[in-house]
Each structure stands twice: as structure tokens, then as C-alpha cells.
Amino acid sequence: MNDRNGFAVGALLLGMFIGLVIGAGATLMISPKSGEEIRRDIRQAASEVRSKAEDTYTDVRQKAEKTADEMMRKAEDTASDVQKRARM
């Protein structure tokens, strides 16, 4: 995966998160519910958003670690090739 695709995935996830927050907020504001019901809904929505954010963070972190490992491996291979050619 190149850096450009990783950025696109991150931007997409951020856009989805922002849309979720705006949509949830708008829904709660226009719904005809009591204060208690709205507070309960807000707590539930906040819990869901937090869970999704934690999942996204974990996914992005794993992808970043994988990409860093791949880059390190490629750098080591390149360094080894350069050393072999220098000895020739």
C-alpha cells in the first residue's frame, strides 16, 4: 500500500466520522423527546462514536506498523544490495 492510498483511507474514515457526529447531533436536536431521553441518547451515541473511534485508531495503527515494517525491510534489502555491489 502506498502512502497515497493510506491517506485516502484516513481521509475517508475522518469524513465518515464527522458525518456521523453531525447526523447524530441533528437527529437529536429535531427529535420530540424529553430532556432525559435526549441525554440518554447522547450518552449512547457518544459511547458508539468512542467505540468506532477506538476501532478506527486500532486499524490505522496496525496499518501504519505494517507499512513501517515493510519500508524497513525494503531499506535493509536495498542497503544489502548496495553493499554487495560495492564489493564487486
Protein backbone atom coordinates (compact mmCIF):
# COMPACT_ATOMS: atom_id res chain seq x y z
CA MET A 1 0.00 0.00 0.00
CA ASN A 2 1.46 3.35 -0.91
CA ASP A 3 1.21 6.50 1.17
CA ARG A 4 -1.43 8.00 -1.09
CA ASN A 5 -3.88 5.12 -0.53
CA GLY A 6 -3.28 5.25 3.23
CA PHE A 7 -4.06 8.95 3.21
CA ALA A 8 -7.23 8.37 1.18
CA VAL A 9 -8.44 5.72 3.63
CA GLY A 10 -7.71 8.00 6.58
CA ALA A 11 -9.49 10.93 4.94
CA LEU A 12 -12.49 8.74 4.14
CA LEU A 13 -12.71 7.48 7.73
CA LEU A 14 -12.40 11.01 9.09
CA GLY A 15 -15.15 12.21 6.75
CA MET A 16 -17.40 9.35 7.82
CA PHE A 17 -16.77 10.12 11.49
CA ILE A 18 -17.57 13.81 11.04
CA GLY A 19 -20.73 12.93 9.11
CA LEU A 20 -21.78 10.55 11.86
CA VAL A 21 -21.34 13.19 14.54
CA ILE A 22 -23.21 15.86 12.57
CA GLY A 23 -26.02 13.48 11.66
CA ALA A 24 -26.42 12.25 15.22
CA GLY A 25 -26.43 15.79 16.57
CA ALA A 26 -29.02 16.96 14.04
CA THR A 27 -31.24 13.97 14.75
CA LEU A 28 -31.12 14.57 18.48
CA MET A 29 -31.90 18.26 18.09
CA ILE A 30 -35.03 17.80 15.98
CA SER A 31 -36.49 14.81 17.78
CA PRO A 32 -39.52 15.44 20.03
CA LYS A 33 -38.15 13.78 23.17
CA SER A 34 -37.86 14.73 26.80
CA GLY A 35 -34.60 16.01 28.25
CA GLU A 36 -33.94 12.68 29.97
CA GLU A 37 -34.45 10.75 26.74
CA ILE A 38 -32.17 13.11 24.83
CA ARG A 39 -29.43 12.83 27.46
CA ARG A 40 -29.70 9.04 27.33
CA ASP A 41 -29.50 9.13 23.54
CA ILE A 42 -26.48 11.44 23.67
CA ARG A 43 -24.69 9.11 26.10
CA GLN A 44 -25.44 6.14 23.87
CA ALA A 45 -24.32 7.97 20.71
CA ALA A 46 -21.14 9.14 22.44
CA SER A 47 -20.40 5.58 23.51
CA GLU A 48 -20.91 4.31 19.95
CA VAL A 49 -18.72 7.07 18.49
CA ARG A 50 -16.00 6.32 21.02
CA SER A 51 -16.13 2.62 20.18
CA LYS A 52 -15.90 3.33 16.45
CA ALA A 53 -13.06 5.81 17.02
CA GLU A 54 -11.14 3.21 19.04
CA ASP A 55 -11.68 0.62 16.30
CA THR A 56 -10.52 3.09 13.64
CA TYR A 57 -7.46 4.02 15.72
CA THR A 58 -6.54 0.37 16.13
CA ASP A 59 -6.97 -0.30 12.41
CA VAL A 60 -4.92 2.73 11.36
CA ARG A 61 -2.20 1.92 13.88
CA GLN A 62 -1.92 -1.67 12.63
CA LYS A 63 -1.70 -0.49 9.03
CA ALA A 64 0.94 2.09 9.94
CA GLU A 65 3.02 -0.52 11.78
CA LYS A 66 2.73 -2.91 8.83
CA THR A 67 3.77 -0.17 6.40
CA ALA A 68 6.72 0.83 8.61
CA ASP A 69 7.86 -2.81 8.81
CA GLU A 70 7.64 -3.18 5.03
CA MET A 71 9.60 0.04 4.50
CA MET A 72 12.27 -1.09 6.97
CA ARG A 73 12.58 -4.44 5.23
CA LYS A 74 12.90 -2.76 1.82
CA ALA A 75 15.52 -0.34 3.17
CA GLU A 76 17.53 -3.22 4.63
CA ASP A 77 17.32 -5.13 1.33
CA THR A 78 18.45 -2.06 -0.61
CA ALA A 79 21.35 -1.47 1.79
CA SER A 80 22.40 -5.10 1.43
CA ASP A 81 22.27 -4.87 -2.37
CA VAL A 82 24.35 -1.69 -2.35
CA GLN A 83 26.95 -3.32 -0.11
CA LYS A 84 27.15 -6.38 -2.39
CA ARG A 85 27.61 -4.20 -5.46
CA ALA A 86 30.24 -2.10 -3.76
CA ARG A 87 32.30 -5.25 -3.05
CA MET A 88 32.27 -6.27 -6.73
